[in-house]
Amino acid sequence: LRTSPAEEMDDHKMYYDFRDFWPLLVQAGFL
């Protein structure tokens, strides 16, 4: 649609769900 910047999407390295995101927060030091 060209309604979002293509260069931003091409710069994405990862997408997330709870099972991806929550463990990262714990590993970072949040309880």
All heavy atoms as atom14 arrays in JSON, in Angstrom:
{
  "sequence": "LRTSPAEEMDDHKMYYDFRDFWPLLVQAGFL",
  "atom14_mask": [
    [1, 1, 1, 1, 1, 1, 1, 1, 0, 0, 0, 0, 0, 0],
    [1, 1, 1, 1, 1, 1, 1, 1, 1, 1, 1, 0, 0, 0],
    [1, 1, 1, 1, 1, 1, 1, 0, 0, 0, 0, 0, 0, 0],
    [1, 1, 1, 1, 1, 1, 0, 0, 0, 0, 0, 0, 0, 0],
    [1, 1, 1, 1, 1, 1, 1, 0, 0, 0, 0, 0, 0, 0],
    [1, 1, 1, 1, 1, 0, 0, 0, 0, 0, 0, 0, 0, 0],
    [1, 1, 1, 1, 1, 1, 1, 1, 1, 0, 0, 0, 0, 0],
    [1, 1, 1, 1, 1, 1, 1, 1, 1, 0, 0, 0, 0, 0],
    [1, 1, 1, 1, 1, 1, 1, 1, 0, 0, 0, 0, 0, 0],
    [1, 1, 1, 1, 1, 1, 1, 1, 0, 0, 0, 0, 0, 0],
    [1, 1, 1, 1, 1, 1, 1, 1, 0, 0, 0, 0, 0, 0],
    [1, 1, 1, 1, 1, 1, 1, 1, 1, 1, 0, 0, 0, 0],
    [1, 1, 1, 1, 1, 1, 1, 1, 1, 0, 0, 0, 0, 0],
    [1, 1, 1, 1, 1, 1, 1, 1, 0, 0, 0, 0, 0, 0],
    [1, 1, 1, 1, 1, 1, 1, 1, 1, 1, 1, 1, 0, 0],
    [1, 1, 1, 1, 1, 1, 1, 1, 1, 1, 1, 1, 0, 0],
    [1, 1, 1, 1, 1, 1, 1, 1, 0, 0, 0, 0, 0, 0],
    [1, 1, 1, 1, 1, 1, 1, 1, 1, 1, 1, 0, 0, 0],
    [1, 1, 1, 1, 1, 1, 1, 1, 1, 1, 1, 0, 0, 0],
    [1, 1, 1, 1, 1, 1, 1, 1, 0, 0, 0, 0, 0, 0],
    [1, 1, 1, 1, 1, 1, 1, 1, 1, 1, 1, 0, 0, 0],
    [1, 1, 1, 1, 1, 1, 1, 1, 1, 1, 1, 1, 1, 1],
    [1, 1, 1, 1, 1, 1, 1, 0, 0, 0, 0, 0, 0, 0],
    [1, 1, 1, 1, 1, 1, 1, 1, 0, 0, 0, 0, 0, 0],
    [1, 1, 1, 1, 1, 1, 1, 1, 0, 0, 0, 0, 0, 0],
    [1, 1, 1, 1, 1, 1, 1, 0, 0, 0, 0, 0, 0, 0],
    [1, 1, 1, 1, 1, 1, 1, 1, 1, 0, 0, 0, 0, 0],
    [1, 1, 1, 1, 1, 0, 0, 0, 0, 0, 0, 0, 0, 0],
    [1, 1, 1, 1, 0, 0, 0, 0, 0, 0, 0, 0, 0, 0],
    [1, 1, 1, 1, 1, 1, 1, 1, 1, 1, 1, 0, 0, 0],
    [1, 1, 1, 1, 1, 1, 1, 1, 0, 0, 0, 0, 0, 0]
  ],
  "atom14_positions": [
    [[0.81, -1.22, 0.0], [0.0, 0.0, 0.0], [0.84, 1.27, 0.0], [0.33, 2.34, -0.32], [-0.93, 0.01, 1.22], [-1.94, -1.14, 1.33], [-2.79, -0.97, 2.57], [-2.81, -1.24, 0.08], [0.0, 0.0, 0.0], [0.0, 0.0, 0.0], [0.0, 0.0, 0.0], [0.0, 0.0, 0.0], [0.0, 0.0, 0.0], [0.0, 0.0, 0.0]],
    [[2.1, 1.16, 0.4], [3.01, 2.31, 0.49], [2.5, 3.36, 1.49], [2.73, 4.55, 1.33], [3.19, 2.98, -0.88], [3.6, 2.03, -1.99], [4.97, 1.45, -1.76], [5.38, 0.56, -2.85], [6.47, -0.19, -2.86], [7.28, -0.14, -1.81], [6.77, -0.97, -3.87], [0.0, 0.0, 0.0], [0.0, 0.0, 0.0], [0.0, 0.0, 0.0]],
    [[1.83, 2.88, 2.53], [1.31, 3.79, 3.55], [2.14, 3.76, 4.83], [1.78, 4.4, 5.82], [-0.15, 3.45, 3.89], [-0.26, 2.06, 4.21], [-1.07, 3.77, 2.71], [0.0, 0.0, 0.0], [0.0, 0.0, 0.0], [0.0, 0.0, 0.0], [0.0, 0.0, 0.0], [0.0, 0.0, 0.0], [0.0, 0.0, 0.0], [0.0, 0.0, 0.0]],
    [[3.23, 3.03, 4.81], [4.2, 3.0, 5.92], [5.59, 3.01, 5.3], [5.76, 2.57, 4.16], [4.02, 1.75, 6.78], [2.75, 1.71, 7.38], [0.0, 0.0, 0.0], [0.0, 0.0, 0.0], [0.0, 0.0, 0.0], [0.0, 0.0, 0.0], [0.0, 0.0, 0.0], [0.0, 0.0, 0.0], [0.0, 0.0, 0.0], [0.0, 0.0, 0.0]],
    [[6.59, 3.49, 6.02], [7.94, 3.58, 5.45], [8.57, 2.21, 5.25], [8.85, 1.49, 6.22], [8.71, 4.41, 6.48], [7.94, 4.26, 7.75], [6.51, 4.08, 7.38], [0.0, 0.0, 0.0], [0.0, 0.0, 0.0], [0.0, 0.0, 0.0], [0.0, 0.0, 0.0], [0.0, 0.0, 0.0], [0.0, 0.0, 0.0], [0.0, 0.0, 0.0]],
    [[8.82, 1.84, 4.0], [9.39, 0.53, 3.68], [10.75, 0.34, 4.32], [11.1, -0.76, 4.75], [9.48, 0.36, 2.16], [0.0, 0.0, 0.0], [0.0, 0.0, 0.0], [0.0, 0.0, 0.0], [0.0, 0.0, 0.0], [0.0, 0.0, 0.0], [0.0, 0.0, 0.0], [0.0, 0.0, 0.0], [0.0, 0.0, 0.0], [0.0, 0.0, 0.0]],
    [[11.54, 1.44, 4.43], [12.88, 1.31, 5.0], [12.82, 0.91, 6.47], [13.73, 0.25, 6.98], [13.66, 2.61, 4.83], [13.11, 3.82, 5.55], [12.06, 4.58, 4.76], [11.54, 4.02, 3.77], [11.76, 5.73, 5.14], [0.0, 0.0, 0.0], [0.0, 0.0, 0.0], [0.0, 0.0, 0.0], [0.0, 0.0, 0.0], [0.0, 0.0, 0.0]],
    [[11.74, 1.3, 7.17], [11.6, 0.91, 8.57], [11.31, -0.58, 8.69], [11.84, -1.27, 9.56], [10.49, 1.73, 9.24], [10.81, 3.2, 9.38], [11.98, 3.48, 10.31], [12.12, 2.77, 11.32], [12.76, 4.39, 10.01], [0.0, 0.0, 0.0], [0.0, 0.0, 0.0], [0.0, 0.0, 0.0], [0.0, 0.0, 0.0], [0.0, 0.0, 0.0]],
    [[10.45, -1.1, 7.81], [10.13, -2.54, 7.85], [11.35, -3.37, 7.45], [11.61, -4.43, 8.01], [8.96, -2.86, 6.92], [7.68, -2.11, 7.24], [7.2, -2.17, 8.97], [7.19, -0.42, 9.35], [0.0, 0.0, 0.0], [0.0, 0.0, 0.0], [0.0, 0.0, 0.0], [0.0, 0.0, 0.0], [0.0, 0.0, 0.0], [0.0, 0.0, 0.0]],
    [[12.12, -2.87, 6.48], [13.32, -3.58, 6.07], [14.4, -3.57, 7.15], [15.34, -4.38, 7.09], [13.89, -2.98, 4.78], [13.23, -3.54, 3.53], [12.64, -4.63, 3.61], [13.31, -2.88, 2.47], [0.0, 0.0, 0.0], [0.0, 0.0, 0.0], [0.0, 0.0, 0.0], [0.0, 0.0, 0.0], [0.0, 0.0, 0.0], [0.0, 0.0, 0.0]],
    [[14.27, -2.69, 8.11], [15.23, -2.6, 9.21], [14.82, -3.48, 10.4], [15.56, -3.57, 11.38], [15.37, -1.14, 9.67], [16.56, -0.93, 10.59], [17.67, -1.38, 10.23], [16.38, -0.34, 11.67], [0.0, 0.0, 0.0], [0.0, 0.0, 0.0], [0.0, 0.0, 0.0], [0.0, 0.0, 0.0], [0.0, 0.0, 0.0], [0.0, 0.0, 0.0]],
    [[13.67, -4.12, 10.33], [13.22, -4.98, 11.44], [14.08, -6.23, 11.52], [14.34, -6.9, 10.53], [11.76, -5.37, 11.25], [10.81, -4.29, 11.65], [9.43, -4.47, 11.67], [11.01, -3.0, 12.04], [8.85, -3.35, 12.06], [9.79, -2.45, 12.28], [0.0, 0.0, 0.0], [0.0, 0.0, 0.0], [0.0, 0.0, 0.0], [0.0, 0.0, 0.0]],
    [[14.51, -6.55, 12.73], [15.32, -7.74, 12.98], [14.51, -8.85, 13.64], [14.93, -10.0, 13.65], [16.5, -7.39, 13.91], [17.28, -6.13, 13.55], [17.96, -6.22, 12.22], [18.93, -5.05, 11.99], [18.28, -3.75, 11.88], [0.0, 0.0, 0.0], [0.0, 0.0, 0.0], [0.0, 0.0, 0.0], [0.0, 0.0, 0.0], [0.0, 0.0, 0.0]],
    [[13.35, -8.49, 14.25], [12.61, -9.46, 15.05], [11.17, -9.0, 15.23], [10.88, -7.8, 15.18], [13.28, -9.59, 16.44], [12.64, -10.58, 17.39], [12.71, -12.27, 16.75], [11.97, -13.18, 18.12], [0.0, 0.0, 0.0], [0.0, 0.0, 0.0], [0.0, 0.0, 0.0], [0.0, 0.0, 0.0], [0.0, 0.0, 0.0], [0.0, 0.0, 0.0]],
    [[10.27, -9.97, 15.39], [8.91, -9.74, 15.85], [8.71, -10.58, 17.11], [9.49, -11.51, 17.38], [7.89, -10.11, 14.77], [7.95, -9.19, 13.57], [8.85, -9.43, 12.54], [7.12, -8.08, 13.48], [8.92, -8.58, 11.45], [7.18, -7.22, 12.4], [8.09, -7.48, 11.39], [8.16, -6.63, 10.32], [0.0, 0.0, 0.0], [0.0, 0.0, 0.0]],
    [[7.69, -10.27, 17.89], [7.57, -10.85, 19.22], [6.17, -11.37, 19.51], [5.18, -10.93, 18.91], [7.93, -9.81, 20.29], [9.37, -9.38, 20.26], [9.8, -8.33, 19.44], [10.33, -10.01, 21.05], [11.12, -7.94, 19.41], [11.66, -9.62, 21.04], [12.05, -8.58, 20.22], [13.36, -8.2, 20.18], [0.0, 0.0, 0.0], [0.0, 0.0, 0.0]],
    [[6.11, -12.28, 20.45], [4.88, -12.64, 21.13], [5.23, -12.72, 22.61], [6.37, -12.51, 23.0], [4.31, -13.95, 20.62], [2.8, -14.01, 20.75], [2.26, -13.32, 21.66], [2.14, -14.74, 19.99], [0.0, 0.0, 0.0], [0.0, 0.0, 0.0], [0.0, 0.0, 0.0], [0.0, 0.0, 0.0], [0.0, 0.0, 0.0], [0.0, 0.0, 0.0]],
    [[4.25, -13.02, 23.46], [4.52, -13.08, 24.9], [5.66, -14.04, 25.21], [6.52, -13.75, 26.04], [3.27, -13.52, 25.65], [2.17, -12.49, 25.67], [0.99, -12.71, 25.0], [2.32, -11.28, 26.34], [-0.02, -11.77, 25.0], [1.32, -10.33, 26.35], [0.14, -10.58, 25.67], [0.0, 0.0, 0.0], [0.0, 0.0, 0.0], [0.0, 0.0, 0.0]],
    [[5.67, -15.19, 24.54], [6.69, -16.21, 24.83], [8.08, -15.76, 24.41], [9.08, -16.31, 24.91], [6.33, -17.52, 24.14], [6.44, -17.5, 22.63], [6.01, -18.82, 22.04], [4.62, -19.08, 22.29], [4.01, -20.23, 22.0], [4.7, -21.22, 21.48], [2.73, -20.39, 22.25], [0.0, 0.0, 0.0], [0.0, 0.0, 0.0], [0.0, 0.0, 0.0]],
    [[8.19, -14.78, 23.51], [9.48, -14.21, 23.13], [9.88, -13.06, 24.04], [11.04, -12.93, 24.44], [9.44, -13.67, 21.68], [8.91, -14.67, 20.69], [9.46, -15.79, 20.66], [7.96, -14.34, 19.96], [0.0, 0.0, 0.0], [0.0, 0.0, 0.0], [0.0, 0.0, 0.0], [0.0, 0.0, 0.0], [0.0, 0.0, 0.0], [0.0, 0.0, 0.0]],
    [[8.9, -12.2, 24.34], [9.16, -10.92, 24.99], [9.38, -11.06, 26.49], [10.34, -10.52, 27.05], [8.0, -9.99, 24.7], [8.26, -8.54, 25.0], [9.47, -7.96, 24.69], [7.28, -7.75, 25.57], [9.71, -6.62, 24.94], [7.5, -6.41, 25.82], [8.72, -5.84, 25.52], [0.0, 0.0, 0.0], [0.0, 0.0, 0.0], [0.0, 0.0, 0.0]],
    [[8.5, -11.79, 27.17], [8.55, -11.92, 28.62], [9.9, -12.48, 29.11], [10.5, -11.93, 30.04], [7.39, -12.77, 29.11], [7.22, -12.79, 30.61], [6.5, -11.94, 31.39], [7.79, -13.76, 31.5], [6.58, -12.31, 32.71], [7.38, -13.42, 32.81], [8.61, -14.87, 31.33], [7.74, -14.15, 33.93], [9.0, -15.6, 32.44], [8.55, -15.24, 33.73]],
    [[10.42, -13.57, 28.51], [11.72, -14.07, 28.98], [12.85, -13.05, 28.83], [13.75, -13.01, 29.66], [11.96, -15.3, 28.1], [10.62, -15.72, 27.64], [9.84, -14.45, 27.47], [0.0, 0.0, 0.0], [0.0, 0.0, 0.0], [0.0, 0.0, 0.0], [0.0, 0.0, 0.0], [0.0, 0.0, 0.0], [0.0, 0.0, 0.0], [0.0, 0.0, 0.0]],
    [[12.81, -12.22, 27.78], [13.83, -11.2, 27.62], [13.81, -10.2, 28.77], [14.85, -9.77, 29.27], [13.63, -10.45, 26.3], [14.2, -11.07, 25.04], [13.87, -10.19, 23.83], [15.7, -11.28, 25.14], [0.0, 0.0, 0.0], [0.0, 0.0, 0.0], [0.0, 0.0, 0.0], [0.0, 0.0, 0.0], [0.0, 0.0, 0.0], [0.0, 0.0, 0.0]],
    [[12.6, -9.82, 29.19], [12.47, -8.86, 30.28], [13.01, -9.44, 31.58], [13.67, -8.74, 32.36], [11.01, -8.46, 30.45], [10.35, -7.77, 29.24], [8.89, -7.48, 29.52], [11.1, -6.5, 28.89], [0.0, 0.0, 0.0], [0.0, 0.0, 0.0], [0.0, 0.0, 0.0], [0.0, 0.0, 0.0], [0.0, 0.0, 0.0], [0.0, 0.0, 0.0]],
    [[12.77, -10.73, 31.8], [13.29, -11.39, 33.01], [14.82, -11.49, 32.94], [15.52, -11.22, 33.92], [12.65, -12.78, 33.18], [13.31, -13.53, 34.34], [11.15, -12.64, 33.44], [0.0, 0.0, 0.0], [0.0, 0.0, 0.0], [0.0, 0.0, 0.0], [0.0, 0.0, 0.0], [0.0, 0.0, 0.0], [0.0, 0.0, 0.0], [0.0, 0.0, 0.0]],
    [[15.35, -11.87, 31.79], [16.8, -11.96, 31.63], [17.47, -10.61, 31.81], [18.62, -10.53, 32.26], [17.14, -12.51, 30.24], [16.79, -13.97, 30.04], [17.07, -14.42, 28.61], [18.22, -14.4, 28.16], [16.03, -14.8, 27.9], [0.0, 0.0, 0.0], [0.0, 0.0, 0.0], [0.0, 0.0, 0.0], [0.0, 0.0, 0.0], [0.0, 0.0, 0.0]],
    [[16.74, -9.54, 31.48], [17.3, -8.19, 31.64], [17.37, -7.75, 33.09], [18.02, -6.74, 33.39], [16.47, -7.2, 30.83], [0.0, 0.0, 0.0], [0.0, 0.0, 0.0], [0.0, 0.0, 0.0], [0.0, 0.0, 0.0], [0.0, 0.0, 0.0], [0.0, 0.0, 0.0], [0.0, 0.0, 0.0], [0.0, 0.0, 0.0], [0.0, 0.0, 0.0]],
    [[16.68, -8.47, 33.98], [16.75, -8.14, 35.4], [15.45, -7.73, 36.04], [15.4, -7.47, 37.26], [0.0, 0.0, 0.0], [0.0, 0.0, 0.0], [0.0, 0.0, 0.0], [0.0, 0.0, 0.0], [0.0, 0.0, 0.0], [0.0, 0.0, 0.0], [0.0, 0.0, 0.0], [0.0, 0.0, 0.0], [0.0, 0.0, 0.0], [0.0, 0.0, 0.0]],
    [[14.38, -7.67, 35.26], [13.07, -7.37, 35.84], [12.49, -8.66, 36.45], [12.56, -9.72, 35.83], [12.11, -6.82, 34.79], [12.51, -5.48, 34.25], [13.04, -5.36, 32.97], [12.36, -4.33, 35.02], [13.41, -4.13, 32.46], [12.73, -3.09, 34.52], [13.26, -2.98, 33.24], [0.0, 0.0, 0.0], [0.0, 0.0, 0.0], [0.0, 0.0, 0.0]],
    [[11.92, -8.55, 37.63], [11.31, -9.7, 38.28], [9.91, -9.93, 37.73], [9.24, -8.98, 37.32], [11.25, -9.48, 39.79], [12.61, -9.31, 40.48], [12.41, -9.0, 41.96], [13.48, -10.55, 40.29], [0.0, 0.0, 0.0], [0.0, 0.0, 0.0], [0.0, 0.0, 0.0], [0.0, 0.0, 0.0], [0.0, 0.0, 0.0], [0.0, 0.0, 0.0]]
  ]
}
